[in-house]
């Protein structure tokens, strides 16, 4: 997630709490998913290894495999009831929505142009934020905690040159660097997992052939099959390829936005350039939430 604190604008503690909530939900979701998938692979492996044991011990292997399936079921039940992915999405929604509104307000971008009186701009800011909180009712963040901070007001009252320098350095270029790193990382991970899948499929084919020809007593092909299914499920959870593409698109939009920001020389062009930059960031977040909702059906 992009950084929540910048050099020139400080966000209220409630935003940090929202990001902490999102990080906790993300960590719990990924850990539980890894555990569930790992138990499924272990269950298949235990069944495959049972021929190596004495005949009287085969039931023990089956029982151990059954225990793994039961534990995987319990983890899935916990995920269904606790829905940490909802907590993750909700926390990020509040934090990211606040940050984009905060930067629009502080930099004098639309819909809070410099020509708008500070009091009127603050009222509009609070109304916009109230709409966000209303759309995410599960969030524990109180709207009272999210009014503009002193540093936001101070930057808003600064000359255009100072607002421009602060926004470029602490927001636009910072976000551009973050999305570049994440696009590259997700692309690399998508490639690694694709190679891993190809390897598993090749090994599975060889093991199945060896078992069919009675060259190999242990039926590991079923465990490999379970591993392939779990790997595919993990890639679907992490969405490496999708995120790489989405982040890459955002990088292109932000690069264009930075050029427009640098070229802006008056308030009219500046407020439009800020809005365009924030729209690019907001589109990525909106698409991210939609993808999570589509993938899990519960967010």
Protein backbone atom coordinates (compact mmCIF):
# COMPACT_ATOMS: atom_id res chain seq x y z
CA UNK A 1 0.00 0.00 0.00
CA UNK A 2 1.36 3.46 -0.76
CA UNK A 3 2.94 5.32 2.12
CA UNK A 4 0.54 7.17 4.41
CA UNK A 5 2.81 9.96 5.57
CA UNK A 6 4.59 12.51 3.40
CA UNK A 7 7.10 15.29 3.91
CA UNK A 8 4.61 18.14 3.78
CA UNK A 9 1.22 16.74 4.70
CA UNK A 10 0.40 14.87 7.87
CA UNK A 11 -2.71 12.74 8.04
CA UNK A 12 -4.72 12.24 11.23
CA UNK A 13 -4.16 9.17 13.41
CA UNK A 14 -7.44 7.70 12.14
CA UNK A 15 -5.92 7.23 8.68
CA UNK A 16 -2.98 5.35 10.16
CA UNK A 17 -5.46 3.20 12.09
CA UNK A 18 -7.30 2.45 8.86
CA UNK A 19 -4.04 1.37 7.22
CA UNK A 20 -3.14 -0.76 10.23
CA UNK A 21 -6.56 -2.41 10.03
CA UNK A 22 -6.04 -3.06 6.31
CA UNK A 23 -2.54 -4.50 6.85
CA UNK A 24 -3.78 -6.77 9.63
CA UNK A 25 -6.66 -8.01 7.51
CA UNK A 26 -4.37 -8.64 4.55
CA UNK A 27 -1.84 -10.54 6.67
CA UNK A 28 -4.53 -12.72 8.29
CA UNK A 29 -6.15 -13.47 4.95
CA UNK A 30 -2.91 -14.53 3.27
CA UNK A 31 -1.72 -16.57 6.27
CA UNK A 32 -5.01 -18.42 6.58
CA UNK A 33 -5.12 -19.06 2.84
CA UNK A 34 -1.54 -20.40 2.84
CA UNK A 35 -2.39 -22.66 5.77
CA UNK A 36 -5.54 -24.00 4.11
CA UNK A 37 -3.76 -24.74 0.84
CA UNK A 38 -0.78 -26.26 2.62
CA UNK A 39 -3.04 -28.61 4.56
CA UNK A 40 -4.69 -29.72 1.31
CA UNK A 41 -1.29 -30.55 -0.19
CA UNK A 42 -0.22 -32.39 2.97
CA UNK A 43 -3.41 -34.45 2.94
CA UNK A 44 -2.70 -35.61 -0.61
CA UNK A 45 0.94 -36.34 0.25
CA UNK A 46 0.03 -38.49 3.25
CA UNK A 47 -2.29 -40.63 1.14
CA UNK A 48 0.39 -40.97 -1.53
CA UNK A 49 3.01 -42.11 1.00
CA UNK A 50 0.79 -44.72 2.64
CA UNK A 51 2.05 -47.61 0.43
CA UNK A 52 5.51 -47.22 2.00
CA UNK A 53 4.19 -48.18 5.43
CA UNK A 54 3.31 -51.67 6.67
CA UNK A 55 -0.21 -52.77 5.76
CA UNK A 56 -1.48 -52.37 9.31
CA UNK A 57 -0.35 -48.70 9.36
CA UNK A 58 -2.18 -47.64 6.21
CA UNK A 59 -5.26 -46.62 8.16
CA UNK A 60 -3.09 -44.30 10.19
CA UNK A 61 -1.98 -42.47 7.08
CA UNK A 62 -5.59 -42.15 5.95
CA UNK A 63 -6.62 -40.82 9.35
CA UNK A 64 -3.77 -38.29 9.29
CA UNK A 65 -4.90 -37.19 5.84
CA UNK A 66 -8.47 -36.85 7.12
CA UNK A 67 -7.25 -34.66 9.98
CA UNK A 68 -5.56 -32.36 7.48
CA UNK A 69 -8.78 -32.05 5.51
CA UNK A 70 -10.73 -31.28 8.69
CA UNK A 71 -8.21 -28.60 9.67
CA UNK A 72 -8.40 -27.12 6.17
CA UNK A 73 -12.20 -27.08 6.51
CA UNK A 74 -11.95 -25.26 9.85
CA UNK A 75 -9.60 -22.65 8.38
CA UNK A 76 -11.98 -22.09 5.47
CA UNK A 77 -14.88 -21.79 7.92
CA UNK A 78 -12.92 -19.18 9.86
CA UNK A 79 -12.23 -17.25 6.65
CA UNK A 80 -15.93 -17.36 5.77
CA UNK A 81 -17.01 -16.07 9.19
CA UNK A 82 -14.27 -13.54 9.96
CA UNK A 83 -13.78 -12.32 6.37
CA UNK A 84 -10.37 -10.68 6.88
CA UNK A 85 -10.39 -9.76 3.18
CA UNK A 86 -13.37 -7.48 3.90
CA UNK A 87 -11.41 -5.81 6.71
CA UNK A 88 -8.47 -5.39 4.33
CA UNK A 89 -10.60 -3.83 1.57
CA UNK A 90 -12.53 -1.59 3.97
CA UNK A 91 -9.43 -0.26 5.70
CA UNK A 92 -7.72 0.48 2.41
CA UNK A 93 -10.86 2.12 1.02
CA UNK A 94 -11.02 4.63 3.88
CA UNK A 95 -7.28 5.32 3.95
CA UNK A 96 -6.86 5.75 0.19
CA UNK A 97 -10.04 7.81 -0.16
CA UNK A 98 -8.93 10.13 2.60
CA UNK A 99 -5.48 10.56 1.10
CA UNK A 100 -6.71 11.44 -2.36
CA UNK A 101 -9.20 13.95 -0.94
CA UNK A 102 -6.54 15.33 1.41
CA UNK A 103 -4.07 15.94 -1.40
CA UNK A 104 -6.70 17.52 -3.61
CA UNK A 105 -7.59 19.83 -0.71
CA UNK A 106 -4.02 20.67 0.32
CA UNK A 107 -2.69 21.17 -3.21
CA UNK A 108 -5.67 23.20 -4.39
CA UNK A 109 -6.85 20.65 -6.95
CA UNK A 110 -10.42 19.99 -8.07
CA UNK A 111 -12.92 19.82 -6.43
CA UNK A 112 -11.18 22.12 -3.93
CA UNK A 113 -9.68 24.84 -6.16
CA UNK A 114 -7.62 27.61 -4.63
CA UNK A 115 -10.37 30.07 -5.55
CA UNK A 116 -12.71 28.34 -3.09
CA UNK A 117 -12.71 29.82 0.40
CA UNK A 118 -10.99 27.65 3.00
CA UNK A 119 -14.13 27.22 5.11
CA UNK A 120 -16.20 26.22 2.09
CA UNK A 121 -13.45 23.86 0.93
CA UNK A 122 -13.35 22.19 4.36
CA UNK A 123 -17.12 21.74 4.37
CA UNK A 124 -16.94 20.17 0.92
CA UNK A 125 -14.05 17.97 2.06
CA UNK A 126 -16.01 16.67 5.06
CA UNK A 127 -19.11 15.99 2.95
CA UNK A 128 -17.08 14.03 0.38
CA UNK A 129 -15.42 12.03 3.12
CA UNK A 130 -18.74 11.35 4.82
CA UNK A 131 -19.92 9.80 1.56
CA UNK A 132 -16.90 7.48 1.59
CA UNK A 133 -17.50 6.40 5.19
CA UNK A 134 -21.18 5.88 4.43
CA UNK A 135 -20.26 3.59 1.53
CA UNK A 136 -18.00 1.52 3.80
CA UNK A 137 -20.18 0.96 6.88
CA UNK A 138 -17.96 -1.78 8.28
CA UNK A 139 -15.14 0.66 9.02
CA UNK A 140 -14.60 1.62 12.69
CA UNK A 141 -13.20 5.01 11.67
CA UNK A 142 -15.13 8.02 12.95
CA UNK A 143 -15.69 10.93 10.55
CA UNK A 144 -14.97 13.34 13.40
CA UNK A 145 -11.36 12.16 13.43
CA UNK A 146 -10.84 12.91 9.75
CA UNK A 147 -11.12 16.67 9.39
CA UNK A 148 -8.25 18.49 7.61
CA UNK A 149 -5.08 18.70 9.67
CA UNK A 150 -3.06 21.83 10.35
CA UNK A 151 -0.41 20.80 7.82
CA UNK A 152 -3.06 20.33 5.14
CA UNK A 153 -4.43 23.82 5.81
CA UNK A 154 -0.92 25.28 5.86
CA UNK A 155 0.00 23.80 2.48
CA UNK A 156 -3.30 24.92 0.98
CA UNK A 157 -2.59 28.50 2.00
CA UNK A 158 0.93 28.41 0.49
CA UNK A 159 1.78 29.92 -2.93
CA UNK A 160 1.34 27.78 -6.02
CA UNK A 161 5.08 27.22 -6.37
CA UNK A 162 5.30 25.66 -2.91
CA UNK A 163 2.17 23.56 -3.37
CA UNK A 164 3.51 22.39 -6.72
CA UNK A 165 6.88 21.36 -5.30
CA UNK A 166 5.31 19.58 -2.33
CA UNK A 167 2.73 17.72 -4.39
CA UNK A 168 5.19 16.61 -7.05
CA UNK A 169 7.78 15.34 -4.57
CA UNK A 170 5.57 13.91 -1.84
CA UNK A 171 2.61 12.64 -3.80
CA UNK A 172 2.86 12.28 -7.58
CA UNK A 173 6.48 11.12 -7.85
CA UNK A 174 6.21 9.07 -4.65
CA UNK A 175 3.18 7.22 -6.02
CA UNK A 176 4.80 6.78 -9.42
CA UNK A 177 7.83 5.11 -7.81
CA UNK A 178 5.58 2.88 -5.66
CA UNK A 179 3.52 1.69 -8.63
CA UNK A 180 6.65 1.09 -10.72
CA UNK A 181 8.10 -1.14 -7.99
CA UNK A 182 4.85 -3.04 -7.47
CA UNK A 183 4.28 -3.55 -11.21
CA UNK A 184 7.79 -4.98 -11.57
CA UNK A 185 7.47 -7.20 -8.48
CA UNK A 186 4.09 -8.63 -9.50
CA UNK A 187 5.34 -9.31 -13.03
CA UNK A 188 8.34 -11.20 -11.65
CA UNK A 189 6.15 -13.21 -9.27
CA UNK A 190 3.70 -14.08 -12.06
CA UNK A 191 6.62 -15.45 -14.12
CA UNK A 192 8.04 -17.45 -11.21
CA UNK A 193 4.71 -19.07 -10.39
CA UNK A 194 4.10 -19.90 -14.06
CA UNK A 195 7.47 -21.65 -14.19
CA UNK A 196 6.64 -23.48 -10.95
CA UNK A 197 3.34 -24.68 -12.41
CA UNK A 198 5.01 -25.95 -15.56
CA UNK A 199 7.56 -27.80 -13.45
CA UNK A 200 4.90 -29.38 -11.25
CA UNK A 201 2.92 -30.49 -14.29
CA UNK A 202 5.99 -32.09 -15.87
CA UNK A 203 6.93 -33.87 -12.64
CA UNK A 204 3.34 -34.99 -12.15
CA UNK A 205 3.24 -36.51 -15.63
CA UNK A 206 6.47 -38.43 -15.01
CA UNK A 207 5.32 -39.72 -11.61
CA UNK A 208 1.93 -40.79 -13.00
CA UNK A 209 3.68 -42.65 -15.82
CA UNK A 210 6.05 -44.34 -13.39
CA UNK A 211 3.16 -45.40 -11.17
CA UNK A 212 1.16 -46.70 -14.12
CA UNK A 213 4.13 -48.81 -15.29
CA UNK A 214 4.66 -50.11 -11.73
CA UNK A 215 8.11 -48.56 -11.59
CA UNK A 216 7.22 -46.55 -8.51
CA UNK A 217 5.14 -47.70 -5.55
CA UNK A 218 4.31 -44.30 -4.11
CA UNK A 219 1.39 -42.48 -5.67
CA UNK A 220 2.75 -38.94 -5.53
CA UNK A 221 0.89 -37.91 -8.65
CA UNK A 222 -2.20 -37.17 -6.55
CA UNK A 223 -0.15 -34.96 -4.23
CA UNK A 224 1.33 -33.18 -7.24
CA UNK A 225 -2.19 -32.69 -8.60
CA UNK A 226 -3.24 -31.15 -5.28
CA UNK A 227 -0.16 -28.91 -5.33
CA UNK A 228 -1.00 -27.72 -8.84
CA UNK A 229 -4.56 -26.89 -7.80
CA UNK A 230 -3.32 -25.04 -4.73
CA UNK A 231 -0.74 -23.12 -6.76
CA UNK A 232 -3.44 -22.02 -9.19
CA UNK A 233 -5.64 -21.00 -6.25
CA UNK A 234 -2.78 -19.01 -4.68
CA UNK A 235 -2.10 -17.19 -7.94
CA UNK A 236 -5.80 -16.34 -8.10
CA UNK A 237 -5.67 -14.98 -4.56
CA UNK A 238 -2.55 -12.90 -5.15
CA UNK A 239 -3.57 -11.83 -8.69
CA UNK A 240 0.04 -11.30 -9.76
CA UNK A 241 -0.60 -10.96 -13.48
CA UNK A 242 -3.69 -8.81 -13.05
CA UNK A 243 -1.99 -6.46 -10.61
CA UNK A 244 1.09 -6.21 -12.81
CA UNK A 245 -1.10 -5.09 -15.70
CA UNK A 246 -3.19 -2.73 -13.57
CA UNK A 247 -0.18 -1.15 -11.90
CA UNK A 248 1.56 -0.85 -15.25
CA UNK A 249 -1.41 1.07 -16.63
CA UNK A 250 -1.37 3.36 -13.59
CA UNK A 251 2.36 3.98 -14.10
CA UNK A 252 1.70 5.19 -17.65
CA UNK A 253 -1.13 7.46 -16.49
CA UNK A 254 0.95 8.88 -13.64
CA UNK A 255 3.89 9.61 -15.93
CA UNK A 256 1.58 11.63 -18.15
CA UNK A 257 0.10 13.28 -15.05
CA UNK A 258 3.56 14.28 -13.79
CA UNK A 259 4.32 15.91 -17.14
CA UNK A 260 1.09 17.88 -16.90
CA UNK A 261 1.84 18.88 -13.32
CA UNK A 262 5.30 20.13 -14.24
CA UNK A 263 3.89 22.07 -17.20
CA UNK A 264 1.15 23.74 -15.12
CA UNK A 265 1.91 27.45 -14.58
CA UNK A 266 -1.37 28.84 -13.28
CA UNK A 267 -4.13 27.84 -10.88
CA UNK A 268 -6.55 26.73 -13.59
CA UNK A 269 -4.13 24.30 -15.24
CA UNK A 270 -2.77 23.22 -11.87
CA UNK A 271 -6.11 22.30 -10.29
CA UNK A 272 -6.97 20.22 -13.37
CA UNK A 273 -3.56 18.49 -13.38
CA UNK A 274 -3.89 17.55 -9.70
CA UNK A 275 -7.36 16.14 -10.35
CA UNK A 276 -6.05 14.07 -13.26
CA UNK A 277 -3.22 12.66 -11.14
CA UNK A 278 -5.57 11.74 -8.31
CA UNK A 279 -8.04 10.22 -10.78
CA UNK A 280 -5.30 7.89 -12.01
CA UNK A 281 -4.55 6.75 -8.46
CA UNK A 282 -8.24 6.44 -7.59
CA UNK A 283 -8.97 4.36 -10.70
CA UNK A 284 -6.39 1.80 -9.63
CA UNK A 285 -7.93 1.54 -6.17
CA UNK A 286 -11.47 1.29 -7.54
CA UNK A 287 -10.40 -1.46 -9.93
CA UNK A 288 -8.54 -3.24 -7.11
CA UNK A 289 -11.68 -3.30 -4.97
CA UNK A 290 -13.78 -4.54 -7.88
CA UNK A 291 -11.31 -7.35 -8.57
CA UNK A 292 -11.30 -8.39 -4.92
CA UNK A 293 -15.08 -8.34 -4.84
CA UNK A 294 -15.28 -10.44 -8.00
CA UNK A 295 -12.63 -12.90 -6.79
CA UNK A 296 -14.10 -13.52 -3.36
CA UNK A 297 -17.72 -12.56 -3.70
CA UNK A 298 -17.85 -11.40 -0.10
CA UNK A 299 -16.05 -8.04 -0.10
